[in-house]
Amino acid sequence: MERPLILHIETATSICSVALSEGGELIAIRESDHSRAHARQLAGFIKACLRESGRVIGMLDALNVGKGPGSYTGLRIGVSTVKGIAYASGIPVIATGTLHTLTRSALSFPSVQVLAEQYTDRLLLCPMLDARRMEVYTALFKPDGSVFRDVTAEIIDAHTFTPLLEQYHICFFGNGADKCRTVIHHPNACFSADINLSARFMIPLALDAFHQKRFEDVAYFEPFYLKEFIATIPRKKIL
């Protein structure tokens, strides 16, 4: 199948994003940056994308969900929604790495494209998702989108990336990069603002997985939390 119809869902950050694609073409998208509203918005966004394109759930060839890392609650909402649709309809599920999607978003920005042309094989792309305090979820990618260093949780200080910055120019971006701007001052470090997650950038990743038949086992698939969820204890006791 050359032009599969795929529904993409990304909920790993404050952005709730849903896209519908046919082959490599985006045919509908809905997204919002209203924090803590994913559970309320997601079903409506899915219905709106299908209605706008004149499609129905039964026409889908696959479901694609952002698997993380990211917000525990956001990931749980996205994955549980996709699982529910998959169980009811028998549609196969693809899982896309959140940092991979964020890097695809960065590669669409002219400023990052200029860096890639200028530094070629001496440039690394570093997506960062906020993991509270001075910790981020991050990875490193080459300008062609391939992985240079896999996903890790890093506590950021002035020296975290120094060995790599001595050899490469590194472009930092994502909602975890702002905290790093205040401590990383190496001349080979640059920061790109306004690069955010969007389900539209999941399309090429999902299309590749679809053609290679890299589908998830719906019964056992879980989000990639990277760290265990730790519930906080309220300061005040409520009787």
Protein backbone atom coordinates (compact mmCIF):
# COMPACT_ATOMS: atom_id res chain seq x y z
CA MET A 1 0.00 0.00 0.00
CA GLU A 2 1.71 3.16 -1.22
CA ARG A 3 -0.59 5.76 0.40
CA PRO A 4 -1.78 4.45 3.77
CA LEU A 5 -4.25 6.54 5.74
CA ILE A 6 -2.72 7.09 9.19
CA LEU A 7 -3.99 8.97 12.25
CA HIS A 8 -1.20 10.53 14.34
CA ILE A 9 -1.52 11.49 18.02
CA GLU A 10 1.13 13.36 20.03
CA THR A 11 0.41 14.23 23.70
CA ALA A 12 3.84 14.01 25.39
CA THR A 13 4.03 17.73 26.26
CA SER A 14 1.59 20.58 26.90
CA ILE A 15 0.71 20.45 23.19
CA CYS A 16 -2.14 18.16 22.19
CA SER A 17 -1.74 17.45 18.48
CA VAL A 18 -3.67 15.20 16.09
CA ALA A 19 -2.96 14.83 12.37
CA LEU A 20 -4.32 12.71 9.54
CA SER A 21 -2.12 11.77 6.60
CA GLU A 22 -2.53 9.92 3.33
CA GLY A 23 0.83 8.66 2.18
CA GLY A 24 3.24 11.50 2.94
CA GLU A 25 0.56 14.18 2.63
CA LEU A 26 -0.99 15.97 5.60
CA ILE A 27 -4.74 16.18 5.01
CA ALA A 28 -6.02 17.43 8.40
CA ILE A 29 -4.59 18.66 11.69
CA ARG A 30 -5.84 19.97 15.03
CA GLU A 31 -3.62 21.08 17.91
CA SER A 32 -3.66 23.22 21.02
CA ASP A 33 -1.26 24.32 23.75
CA HIS A 34 -3.81 24.43 26.56
CA SER A 35 -1.97 22.65 29.36
CA ARG A 36 -3.81 19.89 31.25
CA ALA A 37 -6.58 19.76 28.62
CA HIS A 38 -5.52 16.67 26.65
CA ALA A 39 -8.19 14.37 28.05
CA ARG A 40 -10.90 16.88 27.15
CA GLN A 41 -9.55 17.82 23.70
CA LEU A 42 -8.21 14.61 22.19
CA ALA A 43 -11.44 12.88 21.14
CA GLY A 44 -12.75 16.12 19.63
CA PHE A 45 -9.56 16.65 17.64
CA ILE A 46 -9.73 13.10 16.26
CA LYS A 47 -13.37 13.55 15.21
CA ALA A 48 -12.60 16.95 13.63
CA CYS A 49 -9.72 15.59 11.52
CA LEU A 50 -11.81 12.68 10.26
CA ARG A 51 -14.84 14.88 9.56
CA GLU A 52 -12.79 17.51 7.72
CA SER A 53 -11.22 14.90 5.45
CA GLY A 54 -14.43 12.95 4.85
CA ARG A 55 -13.00 9.80 6.45
CA VAL A 56 -14.14 7.49 9.22
CA ILE A 57 -12.21 5.34 11.70
CA GLY A 58 -12.82 2.16 9.71
CA MET A 59 -10.92 3.60 6.73
CA LEU A 60 -7.66 4.00 8.68
CA ASP A 61 -4.73 1.75 7.80
CA ALA A 62 -2.82 2.50 11.02
CA LEU A 63 -2.77 4.54 14.22
CA ASN A 64 0.44 6.31 15.22
CA VAL A 65 1.05 7.50 18.77
CA GLY A 66 3.92 9.43 20.32
CA LYS A 67 5.46 6.95 22.75
CA GLY A 68 7.61 9.37 24.78
CA PRO A 69 9.50 10.25 26.78
CA GLY A 70 7.50 13.15 28.15
CA SER A 71 4.68 13.93 30.52
CA TYR A 72 3.48 10.81 32.33
CA THR A 73 -0.15 11.93 32.23
CA GLY A 74 -0.01 13.16 28.63
CA LEU A 75 1.55 9.92 27.38
CA ARG A 76 -0.97 7.83 29.27
CA ILE A 77 -3.88 9.74 27.72
CA GLY A 78 -2.53 9.39 24.18
CA VAL A 79 -1.63 5.72 24.44
CA SER A 80 -4.86 4.69 26.18
CA THR A 81 -6.89 6.48 23.50
CA VAL A 82 -5.03 4.73 20.70
CA LYS A 83 -5.34 1.37 22.43
CA GLY A 84 -9.08 1.84 22.81
CA ILE A 85 -9.50 2.60 19.09
CA ALA A 86 -7.19 -0.27 18.10
CA TYR A 87 -9.02 -2.83 20.24
CA ALA A 88 -12.40 -1.75 18.91
CA SER A 89 -11.41 -1.59 15.24
CA GLY A 90 -8.50 -3.99 14.79
CA ILE A 91 -6.32 -1.22 13.30
CA PRO A 92 -2.54 -1.73 13.75
CA VAL A 93 -0.57 0.63 16.00
CA ILE A 94 2.73 2.39 15.31
CA ALA A 95 4.71 4.15 18.08
CA THR A 96 6.91 7.14 17.27
CA GLY A 97 9.66 8.49 19.54
CA THR A 98 8.83 11.96 20.83
CA LEU A 99 12.39 13.25 20.52
CA HIS A 100 12.56 11.92 16.95
CA THR A 101 9.41 13.90 16.11
CA LEU A 102 10.78 17.03 17.77
CA THR A 103 13.96 16.70 15.70
CA ARG A 104 11.90 16.42 12.49
CA SER A 105 10.22 19.64 13.54
CA ALA A 106 13.60 21.34 14.00
CA LEU A 107 14.79 20.21 10.57
CA SER A 108 11.86 22.08 9.01
CA PHE A 109 13.09 25.42 10.41
CA PRO A 110 15.17 27.60 8.02
CA SER A 111 17.58 28.59 10.81
CA VAL A 112 18.38 24.94 11.54
CA GLN A 113 18.67 24.16 7.84
CA VAL A 114 21.26 26.94 7.54
CA LEU A 115 23.24 25.42 10.41
CA ALA A 116 23.11 22.00 8.74
CA GLU A 117 24.45 23.46 5.49
CA GLN A 118 27.13 25.44 7.31
CA TYR A 119 28.49 22.72 9.62
CA THR A 120 27.37 19.51 7.81
CA ASP A 121 28.94 16.56 9.66
CA ARG A 122 30.10 18.79 12.57
CA LEU A 123 26.55 19.63 13.66
CA LEU A 124 24.46 17.73 16.22
CA LEU A 125 20.80 18.38 16.97
CA CYS A 126 19.78 18.12 20.61
CA PRO A 127 16.03 18.01 21.37
CA MET A 128 15.20 18.55 25.03
CA LEU A 129 12.00 17.91 26.96
CA ASP A 130 11.58 19.40 30.41
CA ALA A 131 11.82 16.80 33.18
CA ARG A 132 11.63 19.31 36.07
CA ARG A 133 14.34 21.12 38.00
CA MET A 134 17.55 20.98 35.93
CA GLU A 135 16.80 17.59 34.36
CA VAL A 136 15.80 17.00 30.73
CA TYR A 137 14.96 14.07 28.49
CA THR A 138 17.27 14.34 25.53
CA ALA A 139 19.07 12.62 22.68
CA LEU A 140 21.44 13.63 19.90
CA PHE A 141 20.76 13.44 16.18
CA LYS A 142 22.73 14.06 13.02
CA PRO A 143 21.39 16.54 10.45
CA ASP A 144 20.08 13.63 8.34
CA GLY A 145 17.80 12.66 11.24
CA SER A 146 19.76 9.55 12.26
CA VAL A 147 20.51 8.91 15.93
CA PHE A 148 23.95 9.92 17.22
CA ARG A 149 23.20 9.21 20.89
CA ASP A 150 20.08 7.50 22.18
CA VAL A 151 17.53 8.87 24.65
CA THR A 152 18.73 9.66 28.18
CA ALA A 153 17.69 11.68 31.21
CA GLU A 154 20.36 14.31 31.88
CA ILE A 155 20.88 16.66 34.80
CA ILE A 156 22.19 19.82 33.18
CA ASP A 157 25.14 21.83 34.44
CA ALA A 158 27.81 23.93 32.74
CA HIS A 159 29.86 20.85 31.83
CA THR A 160 27.21 18.32 30.73
CA PHE A 161 27.93 18.68 27.01
CA THR A 162 31.46 20.14 27.14
CA PRO A 163 33.32 17.10 25.68
CA LEU A 164 30.97 17.01 22.68
CA LEU A 165 30.96 20.79 22.27
CA GLU A 166 34.74 20.66 21.84
CA GLN A 167 34.18 18.55 18.71
CA TYR A 168 30.76 19.60 17.39
CA HIS A 169 28.40 22.51 17.08
CA ILE A 170 25.23 21.56 18.96
CA CYS A 171 21.81 23.08 18.38
CA PHE A 172 19.57 22.81 21.48
CA PHE A 173 15.79 23.14 21.21
CA GLY A 174 12.52 22.04 22.80
CA ASN A 175 10.76 23.02 26.02
CA GLY A 176 13.71 21.83 28.11
CA ALA A 177 16.31 23.95 26.31
CA ASP A 178 15.52 27.26 28.00
CA LYS A 179 16.86 26.10 31.35
CA CYS A 180 20.08 25.04 29.62
CA ARG A 181 20.57 28.44 28.02
CA THR A 182 21.40 29.89 31.44
CA VAL A 183 24.22 27.40 32.18
CA ILE A 184 25.68 26.32 28.82
CA HIS A 185 27.81 29.11 27.38
CA HIS A 186 30.21 27.28 25.08
CA PRO A 187 30.78 29.09 21.75
CA ASN A 188 29.76 25.95 19.83
CA ALA A 189 26.33 25.86 21.52
CA CYS A 190 23.29 27.52 19.95
CA PHE A 191 19.64 27.60 20.97
CA SER A 192 16.65 27.65 18.64
CA ALA A 193 13.39 28.94 20.09
CA ASP A 194 9.80 28.20 19.03
CA ILE A 195 10.49 24.62 17.91
CA ASN A 196 7.63 22.56 19.28
CA LEU A 197 6.08 19.14 18.88
CA SER A 198 3.44 18.68 16.20
CA ALA A 199 1.81 15.51 14.92
CA ARG A 200 2.51 16.68 11.35
CA PHE A 201 6.19 15.76 11.85
CA MET A 202 5.28 12.20 12.82
CA ILE A 203 4.19 11.47 9.26
CA PRO A 204 7.52 10.43 7.65
CA LEU A 205 8.49 8.40 10.72
CA ALA A 206 5.16 6.55 10.74
CA LEU A 207 5.22 5.98 6.99
CA ASP A 208 8.63 4.32 7.24
CA ALA A 209 7.43 2.11 10.12
CA PHE A 210 4.25 1.20 8.22
CA HIS A 211 6.11 0.03 5.12
CA GLN A 212 8.52 -1.97 7.29
CA LYS A 213 5.56 -3.39 9.26
CA ARG A 214 6.95 -2.21 12.60
CA PHE A 215 3.69 -2.49 14.52
CA GLU A 216 3.22 -2.65 18.29
CA ASP A 217 1.60 -5.47 20.23
CA VAL A 218 -1.44 -3.56 21.47
CA ALA A 219 -1.93 -5.79 24.50
CA TYR A 220 1.57 -5.19 25.87
CA PHE A 221 2.56 -1.79 24.49
CA GLU A 222 3.33 0.86 27.12
CA PRO A 223 4.61 4.43 26.80
CA PHE A 224 8.35 5.04 27.07
CA TYR A 225 8.31 6.92 30.36
CA LEU A 226 12.12 6.67 30.76
CA LYS A 227 11.71 7.32 34.50
CA GLU A 228 9.23 5.82 36.93
CA PHE A 229 6.30 8.03 37.88
CA ILE A 230 6.60 9.41 41.42
CA ALA A 231 3.40 10.76 42.90
CA THR A 232 3.75 13.83 45.10
CA ILE A 233 2.22 13.94 48.58
CA PRO A 234 0.00 16.98 49.29
CA ARG A 235 1.41 19.34 51.90
CA LYS A 236 -1.97 19.84 53.52
CA LYS A 237 -4.01 16.98 54.93
CA ILE A 238 -7.66 17.02 53.91
CA LEU A 239 -9.98 15.45 56.47
